[in-house]
Amino acid sequence: MKKTVFLIFINVAVFLFSSFVFVEKERSIATFKLKSATTNELVSLSDYKNAKGFMVVFTCNKCPMAKFYSKRLNQMDAKYKKLGVPLLAINSMDTLAYAEESFKNMQKKAQKELFTFPYLQDKKQKVVKEFKATHTPQAFVIWKLKSGKFVVKYEGAIDDNAGEPEKAKNHFLTNAVDDLLSDKAVATPKSESFGCKIFLRGVKQTMD
C-alpha cells in the first residue's frame, strides 16, 4: 500500500514538474524606432495606432536563403496589413564587418525588389538582441495586449520550403497570424529556421 501511494506521489510530482518546465512565459518586446531603407524615414511600432500585431522578419541583403523570400514578404504584407498586421523587415547585420549590408545597399535592394514594407536598419543591433534573433531569415509574430504591450507569439521559419514556395506545406508565419486573428492560441508557436548567422558586434561567437 505504501509503495503504491509513493509511486502515485512520484508520478504526480513528475507531471507537475514537467508542466512547470514546459510552460514558457511570453516575452515582451519594447517599442523601437529604426530607419527604413524603403522610405528613408524613421519607423516605430507606435506609428501603427490600429495595429493588432506585427510580422517581424530579420533578413539582410546578401544571405542566399533570405533572397528566396522577397516576393513572399511583399505578398504577406499586402494581405495582412489590411487586417491590422503589417510586416516589418529588419537588417541587423554588422555593417563594419559586412560592407554589403550598408544602408545604401539596403535602399538599392528595397527599390529593386519593390518592397511595400519598411526595410529597417538595426545598426546598433539593439533590436536583434531584444528579439534574440540569431540568423536570417528568422520570423516573429508579436501581438498587442490590452495593456498596449507587445508579446512574442511565434518565432521561427516563414514556411517549410524556401526554394519552392508552391511546394510549401507549412506556412508557419501566416498560420500563426491567422490563429491570432481568429482569437485562437497559436498552434505552432515555434519552429526551426535556417539561414545566415547574425554576428553581434563585440560578442565572441563561433561559426556554428
N, C-alpha and C. Protein backbone atom coordinates (compact mmCIF):
# COMPACT_ATOMS: atom_id res chain seq x y z
N MET A 1 0.84 -1.21 0.00
CA MET A 1 0.00 0.00 0.00
C MET A 1 0.86 1.25 0.00
N LYS A 2 1.87 1.24 0.89
CA LYS A 2 2.75 2.40 0.97
C LYS A 2 3.52 2.60 -0.34
N LYS A 3 3.90 1.46 -0.95
CA LYS A 3 4.63 1.54 -2.21
C LYS A 3 3.75 2.14 -3.30
N THR A 4 2.48 1.76 -3.32
CA THR A 4 1.54 2.29 -4.32
C THR A 4 1.35 3.79 -4.15
N VAL A 5 1.17 4.21 -2.92
CA VAL A 5 0.99 5.64 -2.63
C VAL A 5 2.23 6.43 -3.03
N PHE A 6 3.39 5.83 -2.76
CA PHE A 6 4.65 6.50 -3.10
C PHE A 6 4.78 6.67 -4.61
N LEU A 7 4.42 5.62 -5.36
CA LEU A 7 4.51 5.69 -6.82
C LEU A 7 3.55 6.73 -7.39
N ILE A 8 2.35 6.79 -6.81
CA ILE A 8 1.38 7.80 -7.24
C ILE A 8 1.93 9.20 -6.98
N PHE A 9 2.52 9.37 -5.81
CA PHE A 9 3.11 10.67 -5.45
C PHE A 9 4.21 11.06 -6.44
N ILE A 10 5.08 10.08 -6.78
CA ILE A 10 6.18 10.35 -7.73
C ILE A 10 5.64 10.74 -9.09
N ASN A 11 4.61 10.02 -9.57
CA ASN A 11 4.03 10.31 -10.88
C ASN A 11 3.40 11.70 -10.93
N VAL A 12 2.70 12.06 -9.86
CA VAL A 12 2.08 13.39 -9.78
C VAL A 12 3.15 14.47 -9.75
N ALA A 13 4.21 14.23 -8.99
CA ALA A 13 5.30 15.20 -8.88
C ALA A 13 5.98 15.41 -10.22
N VAL A 14 6.23 14.31 -10.94
CA VAL A 14 6.86 14.39 -12.26
C VAL A 14 5.98 15.16 -13.23
N PHE A 15 4.67 14.90 -13.19
CA PHE A 15 3.73 15.59 -14.07
C PHE A 15 3.72 17.08 -13.81
N LEU A 16 3.66 17.45 -12.54
CA LEU A 16 3.63 18.87 -12.18
C LEU A 16 4.93 19.56 -12.55
N PHE A 17 6.05 18.87 -12.33
CA PHE A 17 7.35 19.44 -12.68
C PHE A 17 7.47 19.63 -14.18
N SER A 18 7.03 18.61 -14.94
CA SER A 18 7.09 18.70 -16.41
C SER A 18 6.24 19.84 -16.91
N SER A 19 5.06 20.02 -16.33
CA SER A 19 4.16 21.11 -16.74
C SER A 19 4.81 22.45 -16.47
N PHE A 20 5.48 22.54 -15.34
CA PHE A 20 6.13 23.79 -14.97
C PHE A 20 7.27 24.11 -15.93
N VAL A 21 8.04 23.08 -16.29
CA VAL A 21 9.21 23.28 -17.13
C VAL A 21 8.82 23.73 -18.55
N PHE A 22 7.73 23.15 -19.07
CA PHE A 22 7.39 23.40 -20.47
C PHE A 22 6.47 24.59 -20.70
N VAL A 23 5.99 25.21 -19.64
CA VAL A 23 5.18 26.42 -19.81
C VAL A 23 6.14 27.61 -19.88
N GLU A 24 6.30 28.17 -21.05
CA GLU A 24 7.24 29.26 -21.27
C GLU A 24 6.53 30.60 -21.19
N LYS A 25 7.07 31.47 -20.39
CA LYS A 25 6.48 32.79 -20.22
C LYS A 25 6.65 33.59 -21.51
N GLU A 26 5.58 34.28 -21.90
CA GLU A 26 5.64 35.09 -23.11
C GLU A 26 6.63 36.24 -22.93
N ARG A 27 7.46 36.44 -23.95
CA ARG A 27 8.44 37.52 -23.90
C ARG A 27 7.83 38.80 -24.45
N SER A 28 8.04 39.87 -23.74
CA SER A 28 7.55 41.16 -24.21
C SER A 28 8.64 41.84 -25.03
N ILE A 29 8.20 42.67 -25.97
CA ILE A 29 9.12 43.40 -26.86
C ILE A 29 8.85 44.89 -26.71
N ALA A 30 9.89 45.63 -26.37
CA ALA A 30 9.76 47.07 -26.22
C ALA A 30 9.64 47.72 -27.60
N THR A 31 8.92 48.82 -27.67
CA THR A 31 8.81 49.53 -28.95
C THR A 31 10.17 50.04 -29.37
N PHE A 32 10.38 50.16 -30.65
CA PHE A 32 11.67 50.61 -31.17
C PHE A 32 11.45 51.56 -32.34
N LYS A 33 12.49 52.30 -32.67
CA LYS A 33 12.43 53.24 -33.80
C LYS A 33 13.68 53.05 -34.65
N LEU A 34 13.49 52.65 -35.91
CA LEU A 34 14.60 52.39 -36.81
C LEU A 34 14.36 53.08 -38.15
N LYS A 35 15.44 53.33 -38.88
CA LYS A 35 15.32 53.99 -40.17
C LYS A 35 15.01 52.98 -41.27
N SER A 36 14.05 53.34 -42.13
CA SER A 36 13.62 52.47 -43.20
C SER A 36 14.34 52.79 -44.51
N ALA A 37 14.92 51.75 -45.11
CA ALA A 37 15.55 51.93 -46.42
C ALA A 37 14.51 52.04 -47.52
N THR A 38 13.27 51.67 -47.22
CA THR A 38 12.19 51.76 -48.20
C THR A 38 11.76 53.19 -48.42
N THR A 39 11.68 53.96 -47.33
CA THR A 39 11.17 55.33 -47.41
C THR A 39 12.16 56.39 -46.93
N ASN A 40 13.28 55.94 -46.33
CA ASN A 40 14.28 56.85 -45.76
C ASN A 40 13.74 57.61 -44.54
N GLU A 41 12.72 57.05 -43.90
CA GLU A 41 12.12 57.67 -42.72
C GLU A 41 12.24 56.76 -41.51
N LEU A 42 12.15 57.35 -40.33
CA LEU A 42 12.16 56.56 -39.10
C LEU A 42 10.81 55.89 -38.92
N VAL A 43 10.84 54.65 -38.48
CA VAL A 43 9.61 53.88 -38.28
C VAL A 43 9.60 53.30 -36.87
N SER A 44 8.45 53.42 -36.21
CA SER A 44 8.28 52.90 -34.86
C SER A 44 7.01 52.09 -34.78
N LEU A 45 6.94 51.14 -33.85
CA LEU A 45 5.71 50.38 -33.63
C LEU A 45 4.56 51.31 -33.28
N SER A 46 4.88 52.37 -32.57
CA SER A 46 3.85 53.31 -32.14
C SER A 46 3.24 54.11 -33.29
N ASP A 47 3.87 54.04 -34.46
CA ASP A 47 3.31 54.73 -35.64
C ASP A 47 2.04 54.04 -36.13
N TYR A 48 1.90 52.77 -35.79
CA TYR A 48 0.77 51.96 -36.26
C TYR A 48 -0.29 51.88 -35.16
N LYS A 49 -1.07 52.92 -35.05
CA LYS A 49 -2.04 53.03 -33.96
C LYS A 49 -3.06 51.90 -33.95
N ASN A 50 -3.45 51.43 -35.12
CA ASN A 50 -4.51 50.43 -35.21
C ASN A 50 -3.99 49.01 -35.41
N ALA A 51 -2.69 48.82 -35.28
CA ALA A 51 -2.11 47.50 -35.48
C ALA A 51 -2.50 46.54 -34.36
N LYS A 52 -2.90 45.35 -34.74
CA LYS A 52 -3.19 44.29 -33.77
C LYS A 52 -1.90 43.56 -33.39
N GLY A 53 -0.98 43.58 -34.31
CA GLY A 53 0.30 42.94 -34.11
C GLY A 53 1.18 43.16 -35.32
N PHE A 54 2.33 42.52 -35.35
CA PHE A 54 3.26 42.68 -36.47
C PHE A 54 3.91 41.34 -36.82
N MET A 55 4.17 41.16 -38.10
CA MET A 55 5.08 40.12 -38.55
C MET A 55 6.44 40.79 -38.65
N VAL A 56 7.41 40.29 -37.92
CA VAL A 56 8.76 40.87 -37.93
C VAL A 56 9.71 39.83 -38.48
N VAL A 57 10.40 40.18 -39.56
CA VAL A 57 11.31 39.23 -40.20
C VAL A 57 12.72 39.81 -40.22
N PHE A 58 13.65 39.10 -39.59
CA PHE A 58 15.05 39.50 -39.65
C PHE A 58 15.64 38.95 -40.94
N THR A 59 16.15 39.85 -41.77
CA THR A 59 16.67 39.48 -43.08
C THR A 59 17.88 40.34 -43.38
N CYS A 60 18.40 40.25 -44.60
CA CYS A 60 19.56 41.07 -44.95
C CYS A 60 19.69 41.12 -46.47
N ASN A 61 20.76 41.75 -46.94
CA ASN A 61 20.94 41.95 -48.38
C ASN A 61 21.46 40.72 -49.11
N LYS A 62 22.43 40.03 -48.49
CA LYS A 62 23.21 39.04 -49.24
C LYS A 62 22.92 37.58 -48.92
N CYS A 63 22.23 37.29 -47.85
CA CYS A 63 22.00 35.90 -47.47
C CYS A 63 21.21 35.17 -48.56
N PRO A 64 21.75 34.08 -49.11
CA PRO A 64 21.05 33.34 -50.17
C PRO A 64 19.67 32.85 -49.75
N MET A 65 19.55 32.38 -48.50
CA MET A 65 18.27 31.89 -48.02
C MET A 65 17.25 33.02 -47.91
N ALA A 66 17.70 34.17 -47.45
CA ALA A 66 16.80 35.32 -47.30
C ALA A 66 16.30 35.81 -48.65
N LYS A 67 17.14 35.71 -49.68
CA LYS A 67 16.77 36.20 -51.01
C LYS A 67 15.54 35.49 -51.57
N PHE A 68 15.35 34.25 -51.17
CA PHE A 68 14.21 33.48 -51.69
C PHE A 68 12.86 34.11 -51.30
N TYR A 69 12.85 34.92 -50.23
CA TYR A 69 11.58 35.32 -49.64
C TYR A 69 11.09 36.72 -49.99
N SER A 70 11.82 37.46 -50.80
CA SER A 70 11.42 38.84 -51.10
C SER A 70 10.00 38.95 -51.63
N LYS A 71 9.67 38.16 -52.62
CA LYS A 71 8.33 38.20 -53.22
C LYS A 71 7.27 37.79 -52.21
N ARG A 72 7.55 36.76 -51.43
CA ARG A 72 6.58 36.29 -50.44
C ARG A 72 6.33 37.32 -49.34
N LEU A 73 7.37 38.05 -48.97
CA LEU A 73 7.18 39.09 -47.95
C LEU A 73 6.25 40.18 -48.46
N ASN A 74 6.42 40.57 -49.70
CA ASN A 74 5.51 41.56 -50.30
C ASN A 74 4.07 41.05 -50.30
N GLN A 75 3.90 39.78 -50.64
CA GLN A 75 2.57 39.19 -50.70
C GLN A 75 1.92 39.14 -49.30
N MET A 76 2.71 38.77 -48.31
CA MET A 76 2.18 38.70 -46.95
C MET A 76 1.81 40.08 -46.42
N ASP A 77 2.67 41.05 -46.72
CA ASP A 77 2.39 42.41 -46.27
C ASP A 77 1.12 42.95 -46.90
N ALA A 78 0.95 42.70 -48.20
CA ALA A 78 -0.24 43.19 -48.92
C ALA A 78 -1.52 42.61 -48.32
N LYS A 79 -1.47 41.34 -47.94
CA LYS A 79 -2.66 40.69 -47.41
C LYS A 79 -2.95 41.08 -45.96
N TYR A 80 -1.94 41.05 -45.12
CA TYR A 80 -2.19 41.14 -43.68
C TYR A 80 -2.17 42.56 -43.11
N LYS A 81 -1.54 43.51 -43.81
CA LYS A 81 -1.59 44.87 -43.26
C LYS A 81 -3.01 45.43 -43.33
N LYS A 82 -3.82 44.92 -44.29
CA LYS A 82 -5.23 45.31 -44.37
C LYS A 82 -6.02 44.77 -43.18
N LEU A 83 -5.48 43.71 -42.56
CA LEU A 83 -6.14 43.07 -41.42
C LEU A 83 -5.55 43.54 -40.09
N GLY A 84 -4.67 44.54 -40.17
CA GLY A 84 -4.11 45.10 -38.94
C GLY A 84 -2.82 44.45 -38.48
N VAL A 85 -2.17 43.71 -39.39
CA VAL A 85 -0.91 43.05 -39.02
C VAL A 85 0.14 43.34 -40.09
N PRO A 86 0.79 44.48 -40.04
CA PRO A 86 1.80 44.84 -41.04
C PRO A 86 3.07 43.99 -40.88
N LEU A 87 3.87 44.00 -41.93
CA LEU A 87 5.16 43.30 -41.90
C LEU A 87 6.29 44.31 -41.79
N LEU A 88 7.24 44.02 -40.93
CA LEU A 88 8.44 44.82 -40.79
C LEU A 88 9.64 43.91 -41.02
N ALA A 89 10.54 44.31 -41.92
CA ALA A 89 11.78 43.56 -42.14
C ALA A 89 12.92 44.32 -41.48
N ILE A 90 13.81 43.61 -40.81
CA ILE A 90 14.90 44.25 -40.08
C ILE A 90 16.23 43.64 -40.47
N ASN A 91 17.18 44.50 -40.79
CA ASN A 91 18.54 44.08 -41.10
C ASN A 91 19.43 44.46 -39.91
N SER A 92 19.91 43.44 -39.19
CA SER A 92 20.75 43.67 -38.02
C SER A 92 22.19 43.25 -38.25
N MET A 93 22.55 42.99 -39.50
CA MET A 93 23.92 42.57 -39.80
C MET A 93 24.92 43.67 -39.45
N ASP A 94 26.10 43.26 -39.03
CA ASP A 94 27.17 44.20 -38.66
C ASP A 94 27.75 44.84 -39.91
N THR A 95 27.47 46.10 -40.10
CA THR A 95 27.93 46.80 -41.30
C THR A 95 29.45 47.06 -41.27
N LEU A 96 30.06 46.99 -40.08
CA LEU A 96 31.51 47.15 -40.00
C LEU A 96 32.22 45.92 -40.55
N ALA A 97 31.61 44.76 -40.36
CA ALA A 97 32.19 43.52 -40.85
C ALA A 97 31.73 43.20 -42.27
N TYR A 98 30.51 43.63 -42.61
CA TYR A 98 29.93 43.29 -43.92
C TYR A 98 29.48 44.57 -44.61
N ALA A 99 30.35 45.10 -45.46
CA ALA A 99 30.06 46.36 -46.15
C ALA A 99 28.84 46.26 -47.05
N GLU A 100 28.55 45.05 -47.55
CA GLU A 100 27.41 44.86 -48.45
C GLU A 100 26.07 45.04 -47.73
N GLU A 101 26.11 45.12 -46.40
CA GLU A 101 24.88 45.30 -45.63
C GLU A 101 24.64 46.76 -45.26
N SER A 102 25.30 47.66 -45.95
CA SER A 102 25.16 49.09 -45.67
C SER A 102 23.73 49.58 -45.96
N PHE A 103 23.40 50.71 -45.40
CA PHE A 103 22.06 51.28 -45.62
C PHE A 103 21.85 51.61 -47.09
N LYS A 104 22.90 52.08 -47.76
CA LYS A 104 22.79 52.40 -49.18
C LYS A 104 22.43 51.16 -49.99
N ASN A 105 23.05 50.04 -49.66
CA ASN A 105 22.72 48.79 -50.36
C ASN A 105 21.35 48.26 -49.98
N MET A 106 20.93 48.56 -48.76
CA MET A 106 19.56 48.21 -48.35
C MET A 106 18.55 48.98 -49.20
N GLN A 107 18.85 50.26 -49.45
CA GLN A 107 17.97 51.08 -50.29
C GLN A 107 17.88 50.52 -51.70
N LYS A 108 19.03 50.09 -52.23
CA LYS A 108 19.04 49.51 -53.58
C LYS A 108 18.20 48.24 -53.63
N LYS A 109 18.32 47.43 -52.61
CA LYS A 109 17.55 46.18 -52.56
C LYS A 109 16.06 46.47 -52.45
N ALA A 110 15.70 47.39 -51.57
CA ALA A 110 14.28 47.74 -51.39
C ALA A 110 13.67 48.25 -52.69
N GLN A 111 14.46 49.02 -53.44
CA GLN A 111 13.97 49.57 -54.71
C GLN A 111 13.89 48.47 -55.78
N LYS A 112 14.91 47.63 -55.85
CA LYS A 112 14.94 46.57 -56.85
C LYS A 112 13.83 45.55 -56.63
N GLU A 113 13.61 45.19 -55.35
CA GLU A 113 12.62 44.17 -55.02
C GLU A 113 11.21 44.76 -54.84
N LEU A 114 11.09 46.07 -55.02
CA LEU A 114 9.79 46.76 -54.90
C LEU A 114 9.12 46.49 -53.56
N PHE A 115 9.91 46.61 -52.49
CA PHE A 115 9.38 46.35 -51.15
C PHE A 115 8.22 47.29 -50.83
N THR A 116 7.14 46.74 -50.34
CA THR A 116 5.98 47.53 -49.93
C THR A 116 5.98 47.76 -48.42
N PHE A 117 6.92 47.16 -47.74
CA PHE A 117 7.01 47.20 -46.27
C PHE A 117 8.30 47.91 -45.85
N PRO A 118 8.39 48.38 -44.63
CA PRO A 118 9.61 49.01 -44.16
C PRO A 118 10.76 47.99 -44.07
N TYR A 119 11.89 48.33 -44.64
CA TYR A 119 13.10 47.53 -44.52
C TYR A 119 14.03 48.32 -43.61
N LEU A 120 14.08 47.92 -42.35
CA LEU A 120 14.68 48.73 -41.29
C LEU A 120 16.11 48.31 -40.98
N GLN A 121 16.94 49.30 -40.70
CA GLN A 121 18.32 49.02 -40.32
C GLN A 121 18.49 49.10 -38.80
N ASP A 122 18.87 47.99 -38.21
CA ASP A 122 19.16 47.91 -36.78
C ASP A 122 20.67 48.06 -36.60
N LYS A 123 21.15 49.26 -36.90
CA LYS A 123 22.58 49.49 -36.98
C LYS A 123 23.31 49.23 -35.66
N LYS A 124 22.68 49.56 -34.54
CA LYS A 124 23.30 49.36 -33.23
C LYS A 124 23.02 47.98 -32.66
N GLN A 125 22.28 47.17 -33.40
CA GLN A 125 21.97 45.78 -33.03
C GLN A 125 21.23 45.66 -31.69
N LYS A 126 20.47 46.67 -31.36
CA LYS A 126 19.70 46.62 -30.11
C LYS A 126 18.43 45.78 -30.27
N VAL A 127 17.80 45.90 -31.41
CA VAL A 127 16.53 45.20 -31.62
C VAL A 127 16.74 43.70 -31.78
N VAL A 128 17.80 43.31 -32.47
CA VAL A 128 18.08 41.89 -32.63
C VAL A 128 18.32 41.22 -31.27
N LYS A 129 18.93 41.95 -30.36
CA LYS A 129 19.16 41.42 -29.02
C LYS A 129 17.84 41.33 -28.25
N GLU A 130 16.96 42.28 -28.47
CA GLU A 130 15.65 42.28 -27.82
C GLU A 130 14.84 41.05 -28.25
N PHE A 131 14.88 40.75 -29.54
CA PHE A 131 14.13 39.60 -30.06
C PHE A 131 14.87 38.28 -29.84
N LYS A 132 16.18 38.36 -29.62
CA LYS A 132 17.04 37.18 -29.52
C LYS A 132 17.08 36.42 -30.85
N ALA A 133 17.02 37.16 -31.93
CA ALA A 133 17.14 36.55 -33.25
C ALA A 133 18.60 36.16 -33.48
N THR A 134 18.81 35.10 -34.23
CA THR A 134 20.16 34.58 -34.41
C THR A 134 20.62 34.51 -35.87
N HIS A 135 19.68 34.56 -36.83
CA HIS A 135 20.06 34.40 -38.22
C HIS A 135 19.00 34.98 -39.15
N THR A 136 19.32 34.95 -40.44
CA THR A 136 18.36 35.43 -41.45
C THR A 136 18.09 34.32 -42.46
N PRO A 137 16.83 34.15 -42.89
CA PRO A 137 15.65 34.86 -42.39
C PRO A 137 15.09 34.16 -41.14
N GLN A 138 14.65 34.94 -40.19
CA GLN A 138 14.01 34.42 -38.99
C GLN A 138 12.80 35.30 -38.69
N ALA A 139 11.66 34.67 -38.50
CA ALA A 139 10.40 35.41 -38.38
C ALA A 139 9.83 35.36 -36.97
N PHE A 140 9.13 36.44 -36.64
CA PHE A 140 8.44 36.54 -35.36
C PHE A 140 7.05 37.13 -35.59
N VAL A 141 6.12 36.77 -34.74
CA VAL A 141 4.84 37.47 -34.66
C VAL A 141 4.76 38.05 -33.27
N ILE A 142 4.61 39.36 -33.20
CA ILE A 142 4.39 40.00 -31.90
C ILE A 142 2.95 40.53 -31.89
N TRP A 143 2.29 40.37 -30.74
CA TRP A 143 0.87 40.69 -30.65
C TRP A 143 0.62 41.70 -29.54
N LYS A 144 -0.31 42.60 -29.81
CA LYS A 144 -0.59 43.68 -28.87
C LYS A 144 -1.62 43.25 -27.83
N LEU A 145 -1.25 43.38 -26.57
CA LEU A 145 -2.16 43.08 -25.48
C LEU A 145 -3.03 44.31 -25.15
N LYS A 146 -4.03 44.12 -24.34
CA LYS A 146 -4.90 45.22 -23.95
C LYS A 146 -4.13 46.33 -23.25
N SER A 147 -3.06 45.94 -22.59
CA SER A 147 -2.21 46.91 -21.88
C SER A 147 -1.40 47.77 -22.84
N GLY A 148 -1.36 47.35 -24.12
CA GLY A 148 -0.55 48.07 -25.10
C GLY A 148 0.81 47.46 -25.31
N LYS A 149 1.15 46.50 -24.47
CA LYS A 149 2.44 45.82 -24.56
C LYS A 149 2.41 44.78 -25.68
N PHE A 150 3.55 44.59 -26.35
CA PHE A 150 3.66 43.58 -27.40
C PHE A 150 4.38 42.35 -26.86
N VAL A 151 3.84 41.17 -27.17
CA VAL A 151 4.48 39.93 -26.73
C VAL A 151 4.72 39.02 -27.93
N VAL A 152 5.74 38.19 -27.84
CA VAL A 152 6.08 37.26 -28.91
C VAL A 152 5.12 36.08 -28.88
N LYS A 153 4.44 35.85 -29.98
CA LYS A 153 3.50 34.74 -30.09
C LYS A 153 4.03 33.63 -31.00
N TYR A 154 4.98 33.98 -31.85
CA TYR A 154 5.57 32.98 -32.75
C TYR A 154 7.00 33.37 -33.08
N GLU A 155 7.86 32.36 -33.23
CA GLU A 155 9.21 32.59 -33.74
C GLU A 155 9.70 31.36 -34.48
N GLY A 156 10.40 31.62 -35.59
CA GLY A 156 10.94 30.50 -36.36
C GLY A 156 10.96 30.76 -37.85
N ALA A 157 10.62 29.73 -38.61
CA ALA A 157 10.67 29.81 -40.07
C ALA A 157 9.46 30.55 -40.63
N ILE A 158 9.61 31.09 -41.82
CA ILE A 158 8.49 31.71 -42.54
C ILE A 158 7.57 30.60 -43.07
N ASP A 159 8.20 29.61 -43.70
CA ASP A 159 7.47 28.42 -44.14
C ASP A 159 8.48 27.28 -44.25
N ASP A 160 8.09 26.15 -44.81
CA ASP A 160 8.99 24.99 -44.82
C ASP A 160 9.59 24.69 -46.20
N ASN A 161 9.56 25.67 -47.10
CA ASN A 161 10.20 25.45 -48.40
C ASN A 161 10.67 26.78 -48.98
N ALA A 162 11.94 27.09 -48.74
CA ALA A 162 12.48 28.38 -49.19
C ALA A 162 12.56 28.46 -50.71
N GLY A 163 13.10 27.43 -51.32
CA GLY A 163 13.37 27.48 -52.75
C GLY A 163 12.17 27.30 -53.65
N GLU A 164 11.15 26.56 -53.17
CA GLU A 164 9.97 26.27 -53.99
C GLU A 164 8.70 26.59 -53.19
N PRO A 165 8.32 27.86 -53.18
CA PRO A 165 7.19 28.29 -52.35
C PRO A 165 5.89 27.56 -52.65
N GLU A 166 5.69 27.16 -53.91
CA GLU A 166 4.46 26.47 -54.27
C GLU A 166 4.38 25.08 -53.65
N LYS A 167 5.51 24.57 -53.18
CA LYS A 167 5.53 23.24 -52.56
C LYS A 167 5.54 23.31 -51.03
N ALA A 168 5.47 24.50 -50.47
CA ALA A 168 5.46 24.64 -49.01
C ALA A 168 4.18 24.03 -48.44
N LYS A 169 4.34 23.22 -47.41
CA LYS A 169 3.20 22.58 -46.76
C LYS A 169 2.81 23.26 -45.45
N ASN A 170 3.80 23.87 -44.82
CA ASN A 170 3.55 24.55 -43.54
C ASN A 170 3.93 26.03 -43.66
N HIS A 171 2.92 26.88 -43.63
CA HIS A 171 3.14 28.33 -43.70
C HIS A 171 3.11 28.88 -42.26
N PHE A 172 4.20 28.61 -41.55
CA PHE A 172 4.24 28.85 -40.11
C PHE A 172 3.88 30.29 -39.73
N LEU A 173 4.48 31.25 -40.41
CA LEU A 173 4.30 32.65 -40.04
C LEU A 173 2.85 33.11 -40.23
N THR A 174 2.30 32.89 -41.41
CA THR A 174 0.93 33.34 -41.67
C THR A 174 -0.10 32.49 -40.93
N ASN A 175 0.22 31.22 -40.69
CA ASN A 175 -0.69 30.38 -39.90
C ASN A 175 -0.82 30.93 -38.48
N ALA A 176 0.30 31.40 -37.94
CA ALA A 176 0.28 31.97 -36.59
C ALA A 176 -0.59 33.22 -36.56
N VAL A 177 -0.45 34.05 -37.57
CA VAL A 177 -1.26 35.27 -37.65
C VAL A 177 -2.74 34.93 -37.79
N ASP A 178 -3.04 33.95 -38.63
CA ASP A 178 -4.44 33.52 -38.82
C ASP A 178 -5.04 33.03 -37.51
N ASP A 179 -4.28 32.27 -36.75
CA ASP A 179 -4.76 31.78 -35.45
C ASP A 179 -5.10 32.95 -34.53
N LEU A 180 -4.20 33.92 -34.45
CA LEU A 180 -4.39 35.06 -33.57
C LEU A 180 -5.57 35.93 -34.00
N LEU A 181 -5.72 36.11 -35.30
CA LEU A 181 -6.85 36.89 -35.81
C LEU A 181 -8.18 36.20 -35.53
N SER A 182 -8.12 34.88 -35.34
CA SER A 182 -9.33 34.11 -35.03
C SER A 182 -9.50 33.90 -33.53
N ASP A 183 -8.68 34.65 -32.74
CA ASP A 183 -8.72 34.55 -31.27
C ASP A 183 -8.42 33.15 -30.78
N LYS A 184 -7.51 32.47 -31.48
CA LYS A 184 -7.08 31.14 -31.07
C LYS A 184 -5.63 31.20 -30.59
N ALA A 185 -5.25 30.20 -29.81
CA ALA A 185 -3.84 30.07 -29.45
C ALA A 185 -3.08 29.62 -30.69
N VAL A 186 -1.85 30.07 -30.83
CA VAL A 186 -1.05 29.69 -31.98
C VAL A 186 -0.74 28.20 -31.91
N ALA A 187 -1.13 27.48 -32.94
CA ALA A 187 -0.96 26.02 -32.95
C ALA A 187 0.51 25.61 -32.92
N THR A 188 1.33 26.35 -33.67
CA THR A 188 2.77 26.07 -33.69
C THR A 188 3.50 27.36 -33.32
N PRO A 189 3.75 27.58 -32.02
CA PRO A 189 4.37 28.84 -31.59
C PRO A 189 5.86 28.94 -31.87
N LYS A 190 6.48 27.83 -32.22
CA LYS A 190 7.92 27.86 -32.50
C LYS A 190 8.26 26.78 -33.53
N SER A 191 9.12 27.15 -34.47
CA SER A 191 9.60 26.19 -35.46
C SER A 191 11.08 26.44 -35.68
N GLU A 192 11.73 25.51 -36.35
CA GLU A 192 13.16 25.64 -36.62
C GLU A 192 13.37 26.33 -37.96
N SER A 193 14.25 27.30 -37.97
CA SER A 193 14.55 28.01 -39.22
C SER A 193 16.05 27.99 -39.47
N PHE A 194 16.42 28.20 -40.72
CA PHE A 194 17.82 28.12 -41.12
C PHE A 194 18.20 29.33 -41.97
N GLY A 195 19.48 29.67 -41.94
CA GLY A 195 19.93 30.79 -42.75
C GLY A 195 21.31 31.26 -42.35
N CYS A 196 21.60 32.53 -42.59
CA CYS A 196 22.90 33.11 -42.30
C CYS A 196 22.94 33.69 -40.89
N LYS A 197 24.00 33.40 -40.19
CA LYS A 197 24.11 33.82 -38.79
C LYS A 197 24.29 35.33 -38.67
N ILE A 198 23.63 35.90 -37.65
CA ILE A 198 23.80 37.32 -37.34
C ILE A 198 24.87 37.42 -36.27
N PHE A 199 26.03 37.94 -36.63
CA PHE A 199 27.12 38.10 -35.67
C PHE A 199 26.97 39.44 -34.94
N LEU A 200 26.99 39.37 -33.63
CA LEU A 200 26.82 40.57 -32.82
C LEU A 200 28.18 41.23 -32.58
N ARG A 201 28.24 42.49 -32.85
CA ARG A 201 29.47 43.26 -32.72
C ARG A 201 29.96 43.23 -31.28
N GLY A 202 31.22 42.86 -31.10
CA GLY A 202 31.80 42.86 -29.76
C GLY A 202 31.50 41.63 -28.95
N VAL A 203 30.76 40.67 -29.54
CA VAL A 203 30.44 39.44 -28.82
C VAL A 203 31.15 38.29 -29.50
N LYS A 204 31.95 37.54 -28.74
CA LYS A 204 32.68 36.43 -29.30
C LYS A 204 31.71 35.29 -29.58
N GLN A 205 31.67 34.85 -30.84
CA GLN A 205 30.75 33.80 -31.25
C GLN A 205 31.43 32.83 -32.19
N THR A 206 30.97 31.59 -32.20
CA THR A 206 31.50 30.58 -33.09
C THR A 206 30.74 30.63 -34.41
N MET A 207 31.24 29.95 -35.39
CA MET A 207 30.60 29.95 -36.70
C MET A 207 29.36 29.07 -36.76
N ASP A 208 29.20 28.09 -35.83
CA ASP A 208 28.05 27.20 -35.91
C ASP A 208 26.84 27.75 -35.19
